[in-house]
């Protein structure tokens, strides 16, 4: 296996995702002393190859984090998520 570093160009992105999912991901990245971006890149690269990115020990840690953050979704929810509509801002009355 070639351990040579690969030079890449990274870009800042703004993505929206389920709040508790993000908490689990950030906690898992922090546990492994890595950035959220590095974790997501690893997960996606493994998924693109049809491989699981997590060891059995990591999956146990993820289950613990999911319980801690009360995250009860699994892969069966992936195509059924619907965002809560934002509440309209309250109109301010002008002082006269």
N, C-alpha and C. Protein backbone atom coordinates (compact mmCIF):
# COMPACT_ATOMS: atom_id res chain seq x y z
N UNK A 1 0.85 -1.19 0.00
CA UNK A 1 0.00 0.00 0.00
C UNK A 1 0.88 1.23 0.00
N UNK A 2 0.57 2.18 -0.85
CA UNK A 2 1.35 3.40 -0.99
C UNK A 2 0.91 4.41 0.07
N UNK A 3 1.84 4.81 0.96
CA UNK A 3 1.52 5.76 2.02
C UNK A 3 1.86 7.20 1.63
N UNK A 4 2.17 7.43 0.35
CA UNK A 4 2.50 8.79 -0.09
C UNK A 4 1.28 9.69 0.09
N UNK A 5 1.54 10.92 0.52
CA UNK A 5 0.45 11.89 0.69
C UNK A 5 -0.07 12.32 -0.67
N UNK A 6 -1.37 12.51 -0.74
CA UNK A 6 -2.01 12.96 -1.97
C UNK A 6 -2.40 14.41 -1.80
N UNK A 7 -1.96 15.24 -2.72
CA UNK A 7 -2.29 16.65 -2.66
C UNK A 7 -3.68 16.86 -3.27
N UNK A 8 -4.53 17.56 -2.54
CA UNK A 8 -5.88 17.84 -3.00
C UNK A 8 -6.20 19.30 -2.77
N UNK A 9 -7.18 19.80 -3.49
CA UNK A 9 -7.67 21.15 -3.26
C UNK A 9 -9.01 21.03 -2.55
N UNK A 10 -9.10 21.60 -1.37
CA UNK A 10 -10.34 21.55 -0.61
C UNK A 10 -11.06 22.89 -0.75
N UNK A 11 -12.39 22.83 -0.70
CA UNK A 11 -13.21 24.03 -0.78
C UNK A 11 -14.15 24.06 0.41
N UNK A 12 -14.49 25.26 0.82
CA UNK A 12 -15.46 25.44 1.90
C UNK A 12 -16.85 25.20 1.33
N UNK A 13 -17.66 24.47 2.06
CA UNK A 13 -19.01 24.19 1.59
C UNK A 13 -19.99 24.40 2.73
N UNK A 14 -21.16 24.75 2.37
CA UNK A 14 -22.22 24.88 3.36
C UNK A 14 -23.25 23.81 3.08
N UNK A 15 -23.33 22.84 3.95
CA UNK A 15 -24.32 21.78 3.78
C UNK A 15 -25.25 21.78 4.98
N UNK A 16 -26.48 21.38 4.75
CA UNK A 16 -27.45 21.29 5.83
C UNK A 16 -27.69 19.82 6.10
N UNK A 17 -27.76 19.46 7.37
CA UNK A 17 -28.09 18.09 7.73
C UNK A 17 -28.80 18.06 9.06
N UNK A 18 -29.38 16.95 9.36
CA UNK A 18 -30.15 16.78 10.58
C UNK A 18 -29.26 17.11 11.78
N UNK A 19 -29.80 17.88 12.70
CA UNK A 19 -29.04 18.45 13.81
C UNK A 19 -28.37 17.39 14.69
N UNK A 20 -29.11 16.36 15.08
CA UNK A 20 -28.53 15.33 15.95
C UNK A 20 -27.49 14.49 15.22
N UNK A 21 -27.70 14.27 13.92
CA UNK A 21 -26.72 13.55 13.12
C UNK A 21 -25.40 14.31 13.11
N UNK A 22 -25.48 15.61 12.93
CA UNK A 22 -24.28 16.43 12.94
C UNK A 22 -23.57 16.35 14.29
N UNK A 23 -24.32 16.35 15.38
CA UNK A 23 -23.72 16.25 16.71
C UNK A 23 -22.97 14.93 16.87
N UNK A 24 -23.57 13.84 16.40
CA UNK A 24 -22.91 12.53 16.47
C UNK A 24 -21.63 12.53 15.63
N UNK A 25 -21.70 13.06 14.42
CA UNK A 25 -20.53 13.11 13.55
C UNK A 25 -19.41 13.95 14.16
N UNK A 26 -19.75 15.13 14.69
CA UNK A 26 -18.74 16.01 15.28
C UNK A 26 -18.10 15.35 16.49
N UNK A 27 -18.91 14.69 17.32
CA UNK A 27 -18.37 14.01 18.50
C UNK A 27 -17.47 12.85 18.10
N UNK A 28 -17.87 12.12 17.07
CA UNK A 28 -17.05 10.99 16.61
C UNK A 28 -15.72 11.49 16.03
N UNK A 29 -15.78 12.58 15.27
CA UNK A 29 -14.55 13.17 14.72
C UNK A 29 -13.65 13.65 15.85
N UNK A 30 -14.22 14.32 16.83
CA UNK A 30 -13.45 14.81 17.98
C UNK A 30 -12.82 13.64 18.74
N UNK A 31 -13.56 12.57 18.92
CA UNK A 31 -13.05 11.38 19.61
C UNK A 31 -11.79 10.85 18.91
N UNK A 32 -11.77 10.94 17.59
CA UNK A 32 -10.63 10.45 16.81
C UNK A 32 -9.64 11.56 16.47
N UNK A 33 -9.82 12.73 17.08
CA UNK A 33 -8.92 13.87 16.89
C UNK A 33 -8.73 14.20 15.40
N UNK A 34 -9.87 14.31 14.72
CA UNK A 34 -9.84 14.66 13.30
C UNK A 34 -10.92 15.70 13.04
N UNK A 35 -10.83 16.35 11.91
CA UNK A 35 -11.84 17.34 11.56
C UNK A 35 -13.09 16.64 11.03
N UNK A 36 -14.19 17.36 11.11
CA UNK A 36 -15.43 16.84 10.55
C UNK A 36 -15.27 16.60 9.05
N UNK A 37 -14.60 17.51 8.35
CA UNK A 37 -14.37 17.34 6.91
C UNK A 37 -13.59 16.08 6.59
N UNK A 38 -12.53 15.81 7.38
CA UNK A 38 -11.74 14.59 7.17
C UNK A 38 -12.60 13.34 7.38
N UNK A 39 -13.43 13.37 8.42
CA UNK A 39 -14.32 12.24 8.69
C UNK A 39 -15.27 12.02 7.53
N UNK A 40 -15.92 13.09 7.07
CA UNK A 40 -16.88 12.96 5.97
C UNK A 40 -16.21 12.48 4.69
N UNK A 41 -15.01 13.00 4.40
CA UNK A 41 -14.28 12.52 3.21
C UNK A 41 -14.03 11.02 3.31
N UNK A 42 -13.59 10.57 4.47
CA UNK A 42 -13.32 9.14 4.65
C UNK A 42 -14.57 8.30 4.48
N UNK A 43 -15.68 8.74 5.07
CA UNK A 43 -16.93 8.00 4.96
C UNK A 43 -17.36 7.90 3.49
N UNK A 44 -17.31 9.01 2.77
CA UNK A 44 -17.75 9.02 1.37
C UNK A 44 -16.82 8.19 0.50
N UNK A 45 -15.51 8.31 0.68
CA UNK A 45 -14.58 7.52 -0.14
C UNK A 45 -14.80 6.03 0.08
N UNK A 46 -15.03 5.62 1.32
CA UNK A 46 -15.33 4.20 1.58
C UNK A 46 -16.65 3.81 0.92
N UNK A 47 -17.67 4.65 1.06
CA UNK A 47 -18.98 4.34 0.48
C UNK A 47 -18.90 4.21 -1.04
N UNK A 48 -18.12 5.09 -1.67
CA UNK A 48 -17.97 5.02 -3.12
C UNK A 48 -17.35 3.70 -3.57
N UNK A 49 -16.54 3.10 -2.70
CA UNK A 49 -15.93 1.80 -3.01
C UNK A 49 -16.78 0.63 -2.52
N UNK A 50 -17.95 0.93 -1.94
CA UNK A 50 -18.82 -0.13 -1.43
C UNK A 50 -18.29 -0.76 -0.15
N UNK A 51 -17.49 -0.03 0.60
CA UNK A 51 -16.89 -0.55 1.84
C UNK A 51 -17.44 0.19 3.04
N UNK A 52 -17.44 -0.49 4.18
CA UNK A 52 -17.84 0.19 5.40
C UNK A 52 -16.64 0.97 5.94
N UNK A 53 -16.86 2.21 6.36
CA UNK A 53 -15.75 3.01 6.87
C UNK A 53 -15.45 2.75 8.35
N UNK A 54 -16.28 1.93 9.02
CA UNK A 54 -16.15 1.80 10.46
C UNK A 54 -15.85 0.37 10.90
N UNK A 55 -14.95 0.27 11.87
CA UNK A 55 -14.66 -1.02 12.50
C UNK A 55 -15.78 -1.35 13.48
N UNK A 56 -15.84 -2.59 13.95
CA UNK A 56 -16.86 -2.93 14.97
C UNK A 56 -16.74 -2.05 16.23
N UNK A 57 -15.53 -1.72 16.64
CA UNK A 57 -15.34 -0.86 17.81
C UNK A 57 -15.88 0.53 17.54
N UNK A 58 -15.62 1.06 16.34
CA UNK A 58 -16.14 2.38 15.98
C UNK A 58 -17.67 2.38 15.93
N UNK A 59 -18.25 1.30 15.42
CA UNK A 59 -19.71 1.21 15.37
C UNK A 59 -20.31 1.20 16.77
N UNK A 60 -19.63 0.57 17.72
CA UNK A 60 -20.08 0.60 19.12
C UNK A 60 -20.03 2.02 19.66
N UNK A 61 -18.96 2.75 19.38
CA UNK A 61 -18.83 4.13 19.83
C UNK A 61 -19.94 4.99 19.22
N UNK A 62 -20.23 4.78 17.95
CA UNK A 62 -21.29 5.53 17.28
C UNK A 62 -22.64 5.25 17.94
N UNK A 63 -22.90 4.00 18.29
CA UNK A 63 -24.16 3.67 18.98
C UNK A 63 -24.25 4.39 20.31
N UNK A 64 -23.14 4.48 21.03
CA UNK A 64 -23.13 5.22 22.30
C UNK A 64 -23.44 6.70 22.07
N UNK A 65 -22.83 7.28 21.05
CA UNK A 65 -23.05 8.70 20.74
C UNK A 65 -24.50 8.93 20.29
N UNK A 66 -25.04 8.00 19.52
CA UNK A 66 -26.43 8.13 19.08
C UNK A 66 -27.37 8.12 20.28
N UNK A 67 -27.10 7.26 21.26
CA UNK A 67 -27.93 7.24 22.46
C UNK A 67 -27.78 8.55 23.23
N UNK A 68 -26.55 9.03 23.38
CA UNK A 68 -26.29 10.26 24.12
C UNK A 68 -27.02 11.44 23.51
N UNK A 69 -27.00 11.55 22.19
CA UNK A 69 -27.65 12.67 21.50
C UNK A 69 -29.09 12.37 21.08
N UNK A 70 -29.64 11.26 21.59
CA UNK A 70 -31.02 10.86 21.30
C UNK A 70 -31.31 10.85 19.81
N UNK A 71 -30.38 10.26 19.07
CA UNK A 71 -30.51 10.16 17.62
C UNK A 71 -31.01 8.77 17.28
N UNK A 72 -32.26 8.68 16.83
CA UNK A 72 -32.89 7.38 16.62
C UNK A 72 -33.11 7.02 15.15
N UNK A 73 -32.53 7.76 14.24
CA UNK A 73 -32.69 7.47 12.82
C UNK A 73 -31.66 6.45 12.35
N UNK A 74 -32.01 5.72 11.31
CA UNK A 74 -31.06 4.81 10.67
C UNK A 74 -31.16 4.98 9.16
N UNK A 75 -30.51 4.12 8.41
CA UNK A 75 -30.46 4.28 6.96
C UNK A 75 -31.84 4.22 6.31
N UNK A 76 -32.80 3.56 6.96
CA UNK A 76 -34.14 3.49 6.36
C UNK A 76 -34.81 4.86 6.31
N UNK A 77 -34.30 5.83 7.06
CA UNK A 77 -34.88 7.17 7.06
C UNK A 77 -34.29 8.07 5.98
N UNK A 78 -33.26 7.62 5.31
CA UNK A 78 -32.48 8.51 4.43
C UNK A 78 -33.28 9.20 3.34
N UNK A 79 -34.31 8.57 2.81
CA UNK A 79 -35.08 9.20 1.73
C UNK A 79 -36.44 9.71 2.21
N UNK A 80 -36.62 9.73 3.53
CA UNK A 80 -37.91 10.16 4.07
C UNK A 80 -37.80 11.42 4.93
N UNK A 81 -36.62 11.99 5.07
CA UNK A 81 -36.44 13.15 5.92
C UNK A 81 -37.06 14.39 5.28
N UNK A 82 -37.78 15.13 6.07
CA UNK A 82 -38.39 16.37 5.60
C UNK A 82 -38.10 17.44 6.63
N UNK A 83 -37.59 18.55 6.16
CA UNK A 83 -37.21 19.63 7.06
C UNK A 83 -38.42 20.35 7.62
N UNK A 84 -38.35 20.70 8.90
CA UNK A 84 -39.38 21.50 9.53
C UNK A 84 -39.35 22.88 8.89
N UNK A 85 -40.50 23.38 8.51
CA UNK A 85 -40.54 24.71 7.91
C UNK A 85 -40.22 25.75 8.97
N UNK A 86 -39.42 26.72 8.58
CA UNK A 86 -39.05 27.79 9.49
C UNK A 86 -40.28 28.63 9.80
N UNK A 87 -40.35 29.08 11.03
CA UNK A 87 -41.45 29.96 11.42
C UNK A 87 -41.21 31.34 10.82
N UNK A 88 -42.27 31.98 10.36
CA UNK A 88 -42.07 33.34 9.82
C UNK A 88 -41.63 34.29 10.93
N UNK A 89 -40.80 35.22 10.57
CA UNK A 89 -40.31 36.20 11.54
C UNK A 89 -41.47 37.08 12.00
N UNK A 90 -41.45 37.41 13.28
CA UNK A 90 -42.49 38.30 13.79
C UNK A 90 -42.26 39.70 13.26
N UNK A 91 -43.36 40.32 12.88
CA UNK A 91 -43.27 41.70 12.37
C UNK A 91 -43.10 42.63 13.54
N UNK A 92 -42.17 43.54 13.40
CA UNK A 92 -41.96 44.55 14.43
C UNK A 92 -42.86 45.74 14.16
N UNK A 93 -43.39 46.29 15.21
CA UNK A 93 -44.20 47.50 15.03
C UNK A 93 -43.30 48.70 15.20
N UNK A 94 -43.46 49.66 14.32
CA UNK A 94 -42.62 50.85 14.36
C UNK A 94 -43.06 51.74 15.52
N UNK A 95 -42.08 52.25 16.24
CA UNK A 95 -42.37 53.20 17.33
C UNK A 95 -42.71 54.55 16.72
N UNK A 96 -43.82 55.11 17.14
CA UNK A 96 -44.23 56.40 16.59
C UNK A 96 -44.31 57.42 17.67
